[in-house]
Amino acid sequence: ATSMALYLFLVVWPVSDCVRYFWAG
């Protein structure tokens, strides 16, 4: 469960923000 939460916080969140930043500006 800790690994799943860390994956969500350390991988999914930054990637979604990168997409927001680069695609949506």
PDB file of all heavy atoms in Angstrom:
ATOM      1  N   ALA A   1       0.829  -1.209   0.000  1.00  0.00           N
ATOM      2  CA  ALA A   1       0.000   0.000   0.000  1.00  0.00           C
ATOM      3  C   ALA A   1       0.863   1.259   0.000  1.00  0.00           C
ATOM      4  O   ALA A   1       0.546   2.234  -0.691  1.00  0.00           O
ATOM      5  CB  ALA A   1      -0.940  -0.010   1.198  1.00  0.00           C
ATOM      6  N   THR A   2       1.965   1.245   0.749  1.00  0.00           N
ATOM      7  CA  THR A   2       2.874   2.390   0.769  1.00  0.00           C
ATOM      8  C   THR A   2       3.508   2.594  -0.602  1.00  0.00           C
ATOM      9  O   THR A   2       3.630   3.731  -1.074  1.00  0.00           O
ATOM     10  CB  THR A   2       3.962   2.191   1.834  1.00  0.00           C
ATOM     11  OG1 THR A   2       3.335   2.009   3.107  1.00  0.00           O
ATOM     12  CG2 THR A   2       4.899   3.370   1.903  1.00  0.00           C
ATOM     13  N   SER A   3       3.884   1.496  -1.249  1.00  0.00           N
ATOM     14  CA  SER A   3       4.464   1.603  -2.594  1.00  0.00           C
ATOM     15  C   SER A   3       3.467   2.176  -3.584  1.00  0.00           C
ATOM     16  O   SER A   3       3.822   2.998  -4.438  1.00  0.00           O
ATOM     17  CB  SER A   3       4.928   0.222  -3.075  1.00  0.00           C
ATOM     18  OG  SER A   3       5.892  -0.291  -2.202  1.00  0.00           O
ATOM     19  N   MET A   4       2.219   1.756  -3.476  1.00  0.00           N
ATOM     20  CA  MET A   4       1.183   2.289  -4.370  1.00  0.00           C
ATOM     21  C   MET A   4       0.993   3.785  -4.139  1.00  0.00           C
ATOM     22  O   MET A   4       0.864   4.555  -5.104  1.00  0.00           O
ATOM     23  CB  MET A   4      -0.123   1.534  -4.144  1.00  0.00           C
ATOM     24  CG  MET A   4      -0.085   0.097  -4.603  1.00  0.00           C
ATOM     25  SD  MET A   4      -1.465  -0.898  -4.037  1.00  0.00           S
ATOM     26  CE  MET A   4      -2.836  -0.101  -4.827  1.00  0.00           C
ATOM     27  N   ALA A   5       0.969   4.214  -2.881  1.00  0.00           N
ATOM     28  CA  ALA A   5       0.790   5.632  -2.575  1.00  0.00           C
ATOM     29  C   ALA A   5       1.987   6.452  -3.053  1.00  0.00           C
ATOM     30  O   ALA A   5       1.818   7.549  -3.606  1.00  0.00           O
ATOM     31  CB  ALA A   5       0.566   5.819  -1.076  1.00  0.00           C
ATOM     32  N   LEU A   6       3.189   5.930  -2.841  1.00  0.00           N
ATOM     33  CA  LEU A   6       4.380   6.649  -3.301  1.00  0.00           C
ATOM     34  C   LEU A   6       4.415   6.752  -4.820  1.00  0.00           C
ATOM     35  O   LEU A   6       4.816   7.781  -5.367  1.00  0.00           O
ATOM     36  CB  LEU A   6       5.642   5.954  -2.789  1.00  0.00           C
ATOM     37  CG  LEU A   6       5.966   6.186  -1.321  1.00  0.00           C
ATOM     38  CD1 LEU A   6       7.152   5.335  -0.901  1.00  0.00           C
ATOM     39  CD2 LEU A   6       6.242   7.656  -1.059  1.00  0.00           C
ATOM     40  N   TYR A   7       3.996   5.704  -5.511  1.00  0.00           N
ATOM     41  CA  TYR A   7       3.933   5.753  -6.971  1.00  0.00           C
ATOM     42  C   TYR A   7       2.968   6.843  -7.424  1.00  0.00           C
ATOM     43  O   TYR A   7       3.270   7.619  -8.340  1.00  0.00           O
ATOM     44  CB  TYR A   7       3.510   4.394  -7.524  1.00  0.00           C
ATOM     45  CG  TYR A   7       3.377   4.382  -9.019  1.00  0.00           C
ATOM     46  CD1 TYR A   7       4.502   4.301  -9.826  1.00  0.00           C
ATOM     47  CD2 TYR A   7       2.133   4.464  -9.627  1.00  0.00           C
ATOM     48  CE1 TYR A   7       4.386   4.299 -11.200  1.00  0.00           C
ATOM     49  CE2 TYR A   7       2.010   4.464 -11.001  1.00  0.00           C
ATOM     50  CZ  TYR A   7       3.144   4.385 -11.782  1.00  0.00           C
ATOM     51  OH  TYR A   7       3.032   4.396 -13.142  1.00  0.00           O
ATOM     52  N   LEU A   8       1.833   6.921  -6.767  1.00  0.00           N
ATOM     53  CA  LEU A   8       0.857   7.949  -7.119  1.00  0.00           C
ATOM     54  C   LEU A   8       1.432   9.345  -6.899  1.00  0.00           C
ATOM     55  O   LEU A   8       1.291  10.219  -7.751  1.00  0.00           O
ATOM     56  CB  LEU A   8      -0.416   7.755  -6.284  1.00  0.00           C
ATOM     57  CG  LEU A   8      -1.600   8.650  -6.590  1.00  0.00           C
ATOM     58  CD1 LEU A   8      -2.128   8.359  -7.978  1.00  0.00           C
ATOM     59  CD2 LEU A   8      -2.688   8.433  -5.559  1.00  0.00           C
ATOM     60  N   PHE A   9       2.112   9.532  -5.781  1.00  0.00           N
ATOM     61  CA  PHE A   9       2.627  10.862  -5.449  1.00  0.00           C
ATOM     62  C   PHE A   9       3.893  11.218  -6.221  1.00  0.00           C
ATOM     63  O   PHE A   9       4.067  12.365  -6.645  1.00  0.00           O
ATOM     64  CB  PHE A   9       2.896  10.961  -3.945  1.00  0.00           C
ATOM     65  CG  PHE A   9       3.365  12.310  -3.508  1.00  0.00           C
ATOM     66  CD1 PHE A   9       2.526  13.413  -3.600  1.00  0.00           C
ATOM     67  CD2 PHE A   9       4.634  12.488  -3.016  1.00  0.00           C
ATOM     68  CE1 PHE A   9       2.957  14.670  -3.200  1.00  0.00           C
ATOM     69  CE2 PHE A   9       5.071  13.739  -2.612  1.00  0.00           C
ATOM     70  CZ  PHE A   9       4.234  14.829  -2.709  1.00  0.00           C
ATOM     71  N   LEU A  10       4.791  10.258  -6.412  1.00  0.00           N
ATOM     72  CA  LEU A  10       6.089  10.569  -7.014  1.00  0.00           C
ATOM     73  C   LEU A  10       6.142  10.378  -8.529  1.00  0.00           C
ATOM     74  O   LEU A  10       7.073  10.859  -9.172  1.00  0.00           O
ATOM     75  CB  LEU A  10       7.181   9.716  -6.365  1.00  0.00           C
ATOM     76  CG  LEU A  10       7.401   9.972  -4.874  1.00  0.00           C
ATOM     77  CD1 LEU A  10       8.434   9.006  -4.323  1.00  0.00           C
ATOM     78  CD2 LEU A  10       7.817  11.410  -4.629  1.00  0.00           C
ATOM     79  N   VAL A  11       5.155   9.682  -9.112  1.00  0.00           N
ATOM     80  CA  VAL A  11       5.170   9.455 -10.556  1.00  0.00           C
ATOM     81  C   VAL A  11       3.945  10.064 -11.235  1.00  0.00           C
ATOM     82  O   VAL A  11       4.066  10.870 -12.147  1.00  0.00           O
ATOM     83  CB  VAL A  11       5.279   7.938 -10.884  1.00  0.00           C
ATOM     84  CG1 VAL A  11       5.181   7.695 -12.373  1.00  0.00           C
ATOM     85  CG2 VAL A  11       6.573   7.377 -10.332  1.00  0.00           C
ATOM     86  N   VAL A  12       2.768   9.678 -10.789  1.00  0.00           N
ATOM     87  CA  VAL A  12       1.545  10.104 -11.471  1.00  0.00           C
ATOM     88  C   VAL A  12       1.334  11.607 -11.333  1.00  0.00           C
ATOM     89  O   VAL A  12       1.011  12.289 -12.315  1.00  0.00           O
ATOM     90  CB  VAL A  12       0.325   9.306 -10.955  1.00  0.00           C
ATOM     91  CG1 VAL A  12      -0.960   9.830 -11.540  1.00  0.00           C
ATOM     92  CG2 VAL A  12       0.499   7.831 -11.264  1.00  0.00           C
ATOM     93  N   TRP A  13       1.503  12.156 -10.138  1.00  0.00           N
ATOM     94  CA  TRP A  13       1.281  13.589  -9.957  1.00  0.00           C
ATOM     95  C   TRP A  13       2.250  14.435 -10.779  1.00  0.00           C
ATOM     96  O   TRP A  13       1.807  15.338 -11.509  1.00  0.00           O
ATOM     97  CB  TRP A  13       1.341  13.980  -8.475  1.00  0.00           C
ATOM     98  CG  TRP A  13       1.415  15.446  -8.289  1.00  0.00           C
ATOM     99  CD1 TRP A  13       0.433  16.360  -8.537  1.00  0.00           C
ATOM    100  CD2 TRP A  13       2.553  16.195  -7.873  1.00  0.00           C
ATOM    101  NE1 TRP A  13       0.886  17.630  -8.290  1.00  0.00           N
ATOM    102  CE2 TRP A  13       2.190  17.552  -7.875  1.00  0.00           C
ATOM    103  CE3 TRP A  13       3.842  15.851  -7.496  1.00  0.00           C
ATOM    104  CZ2 TRP A  13       3.075  18.555  -7.510  1.00  0.00           C
ATOM    105  CZ3 TRP A  13       4.711  16.849  -7.123  1.00  0.00           C
ATOM    106  CH2 TRP A  13       4.315  18.188  -7.141  1.00  0.00           C
ATOM    107  N   PRO A  14       3.577  14.193 -10.732  1.00  0.00           N
ATOM    108  CA  PRO A  14       4.458  15.026 -11.560  1.00  0.00           C
ATOM    109  C   PRO A  14       4.203  14.895 -13.059  1.00  0.00           C
ATOM    110  O   PRO A  14       4.288  15.883 -13.790  1.00  0.00           O
ATOM    111  CB  PRO A  14       5.867  14.525 -11.209  1.00  0.00           C
ATOM    112  CG  PRO A  14       5.737  13.898  -9.887  1.00  0.00           C
ATOM    113  CD  PRO A  14       4.366  13.313  -9.853  1.00  0.00           C
ATOM    114  N   VAL A  15       3.876  13.696 -13.517  1.00  0.00           N
ATOM    115  CA  VAL A  15       3.596  13.529 -14.946  1.00  0.00           C
ATOM    116  C   VAL A  15       2.337  14.294 -15.343  1.00  0.00           C
ATOM    117  O   VAL A  15       2.308  14.954 -16.388  1.00  0.00           O
ATOM    118  CB  VAL A  15       3.476  12.022 -15.295  1.00  0.00           C
ATOM    119  CG1 VAL A  15       2.904  11.829 -16.679  1.00  0.00           C
ATOM    120  CG2 VAL A  15       4.826  11.351 -15.177  1.00  0.00           C
ATOM    121  N   SER A  16       1.311  14.239 -14.498  1.00  0.00           N
ATOM    122  CA  SER A  16       0.091  14.980 -14.838  1.00  0.00           C
ATOM    123  C   SER A  16       0.347  16.490 -14.821  1.00  0.00           C
ATOM    124  O   SER A  16      -0.210  17.223 -15.645  1.00  0.00           O
ATOM    125  CB  SER A  16      -1.048  14.617 -13.876  1.00  0.00           C
ATOM    126  OG  SER A  16      -0.799  15.127 -12.589  1.00  0.00           O
ATOM    127  N   ASP A  17       1.190  16.962 -13.912  1.00  0.00           N
ATOM    128  CA  ASP A  17       1.509  18.388 -13.907  1.00  0.00           C
ATOM    129  C   ASP A  17       2.389  18.779 -15.095  1.00  0.00           C
ATOM    130  O   ASP A  17       2.283  19.891 -15.608  1.00  0.00           O
ATOM    131  CB  ASP A  17       2.173  18.791 -12.592  1.00  0.00           C
ATOM    132  CG  ASP A  17       1.146  19.137 -11.527  1.00  0.00           C
ATOM    133  OD1 ASP A  17      -0.073  19.033 -11.812  1.00  0.00           O
ATOM    134  OD2 ASP A  17       1.534  19.520 -10.413  1.00  0.00           O
ATOM    135  N   CYS A  18       3.269  17.879 -15.536  1.00  0.00           N
ATOM    136  CA  CYS A  18       4.054  18.150 -16.751  1.00  0.00           C
ATOM    137  C   CYS A  18       3.134  18.293 -17.953  1.00  0.00           C
ATOM    138  O   CYS A  18       3.319  19.187 -18.786  1.00  0.00           O
ATOM    139  CB  CYS A  18       5.062  17.030 -16.993  1.00  0.00           C
ATOM    140  SG  CYS A  18       6.531  17.134 -15.976  1.00  0.00           S
ATOM    141  N   VAL A  19       2.154  17.416 -18.037  1.00  0.00           N
ATOM    142  CA  VAL A  19       1.202  17.504 -19.142  1.00  0.00           C
ATOM    143  C   VAL A  19       0.435  18.814 -19.055  1.00  0.00           C
ATOM    144  O   VAL A  19       0.239  19.501 -20.066  1.00  0.00           O
ATOM    145  CB  VAL A  19       0.248  16.283 -19.126  1.00  0.00           C
ATOM    146  CG1 VAL A  19      -0.920  16.480 -20.070  1.00  0.00           C
ATOM    147  CG2 VAL A  19       1.012  15.025 -19.477  1.00  0.00           C
ATOM    148  N   ARG A  20       0.000  19.186 -17.848  1.00  0.00           N
ATOM    149  CA  ARG A  20      -0.700  20.469 -17.674  1.00  0.00           C
ATOM    150  C   ARG A  20       0.172  21.646 -18.088  1.00  0.00           C
ATOM    151  O   ARG A  20      -0.291  22.600 -18.713  1.00  0.00           O
ATOM    152  CB  ARG A  20      -1.095  20.664 -16.208  1.00  0.00           C
ATOM    153  CG  ARG A  20      -2.459  20.233 -15.854  1.00  0.00           C
ATOM    154  CD  ARG A  20      -2.677  20.513 -14.375  1.00  0.00           C
ATOM    155  NE  ARG A  20      -3.212  21.822 -14.150  1.00  0.00           N
ATOM    156  CZ  ARG A  20      -4.488  22.075 -13.964  1.00  0.00           C
ATOM    157  NH1 ARG A  20      -5.355  21.103 -13.987  1.00  0.00           N
ATOM    158  NH2 ARG A  20      -4.905  23.293 -13.748  1.00  0.00           N
ATOM    159  N   TYR A  21       1.433  21.597 -17.716  1.00  0.00           N
ATOM    160  CA  TYR A  21       2.336  22.711 -17.987  1.00  0.00           C
ATOM    161  C   TYR A  21       2.675  22.813 -19.474  1.00  0.00           C
ATOM    162  O   TYR A  21       2.625  23.893 -20.065  1.00  0.00           O
ATOM    163  CB  TYR A  21       3.618  22.559 -17.165  1.00  0.00           C
ATOM    164  CG  TYR A  21       4.597  23.676 -17.349  1.00  0.00           C
ATOM    165  CD1 TYR A  21       4.356  24.922 -16.775  1.00  0.00           C
ATOM    166  CD2 TYR A  21       5.748  23.509 -18.105  1.00  0.00           C
ATOM    167  CE1 TYR A  21       5.249  25.964 -16.949  1.00  0.00           C
ATOM    168  CE2 TYR A  21       6.635  24.538 -18.284  1.00  0.00           C
ATOM    169  CZ  TYR A  21       6.385  25.768 -17.703  1.00  0.00           C
ATOM    170  OH  TYR A  21       7.263  26.798 -17.871  1.00  0.00           O
ATOM    171  N   PHE A  22       3.033  21.682 -20.104  1.00  0.00           N
ATOM    172  CA  PHE A  22       3.487  21.730 -21.484  1.00  0.00           C
ATOM    173  C   PHE A  22       2.352  21.783 -22.494  1.00  0.00           C
ATOM    174  O   PHE A  22       2.475  22.442 -23.527  1.00  0.00           O
ATOM    175  CB  PHE A  22       4.415  20.551 -21.784  1.00  0.00           C
ATOM    176  CG  PHE A  22       5.750  20.677 -21.096  1.00  0.00           C
ATOM    177  CD1 PHE A  22       6.140  19.761 -20.139  1.00  0.00           C
ATOM    178  CD2 PHE A  22       6.601  21.720 -21.393  1.00  0.00           C
ATOM    179  CE1 PHE A  22       7.356  19.880 -19.505  1.00  0.00           C
ATOM    180  CE2 PHE A  22       7.822  21.857 -20.752  1.00  0.00           C
ATOM    181  CZ  PHE A  22       8.205  20.923 -19.810  1.00  0.00           C
ATOM    182  N   TRP A  23       1.262  21.087 -22.256  1.00  0.00           N
ATOM    183  CA  TRP A  23       0.162  21.090 -23.222  1.00  0.00           C
ATOM    184  C   TRP A  23      -0.800  22.246 -23.009  1.00  0.00           C
ATOM    185  O   TRP A  23      -1.237  22.873 -23.958  1.00  0.00           O
ATOM    186  CB  TRP A  23      -0.620  19.787 -23.164  1.00  0.00           C
ATOM    187  CG  TRP A  23       0.011  18.692 -23.965  1.00  0.00           C
ATOM    188  CD1 TRP A  23       1.214  18.729 -24.615  1.00  0.00           C
ATOM    189  CD2 TRP A  23      -0.532  17.412 -24.202  1.00  0.00           C
ATOM    190  NE1 TRP A  23       1.464  17.536 -25.219  1.00  0.00           N
ATOM    191  CE2 TRP A  23       0.407  16.703 -24.990  1.00  0.00           C
ATOM    192  CE3 TRP A  23      -1.690  16.776 -23.824  1.00  0.00           C
ATOM    193  CZ2 TRP A  23       0.185  15.405 -25.398  1.00  0.00           C
ATOM    194  CZ3 TRP A  23      -1.898  15.476 -24.241  1.00  0.00           C
ATOM    195  CH2 TRP A  23      -0.970  14.813 -25.015  1.00  0.00           C
ATOM    196  N   ALA A  24      -1.140  22.522 -21.756  1.00  0.00           N
ATOM    197  CA  ALA A  24      -2.117  23.577 -21.497  1.00  0.00           C
ATOM    198  C   ALA A  24      -1.459  24.915 -21.189  1.00  0.00           C
ATOM    199  O   ALA A  24      -2.127  25.935 -21.146  1.00  0.00           O
ATOM    200  CB  ALA A  24      -3.027  23.170 -20.337  1.00  0.00           C
ATOM    201  N   GLY A  25      -0.164  24.904 -20.930  1.00  0.00           N
ATOM    202  CA  GLY A  25       0.530  26.146 -20.618  1.00  0.00           C
ATOM    203  C   GLY A  25       0.131  26.735 -19.278  1.00  0.00           C
ATOM    204  O   GLY A  25       0.168  27.949 -19.095  1.00  0.00           O
TER     205      GLY A  25
END
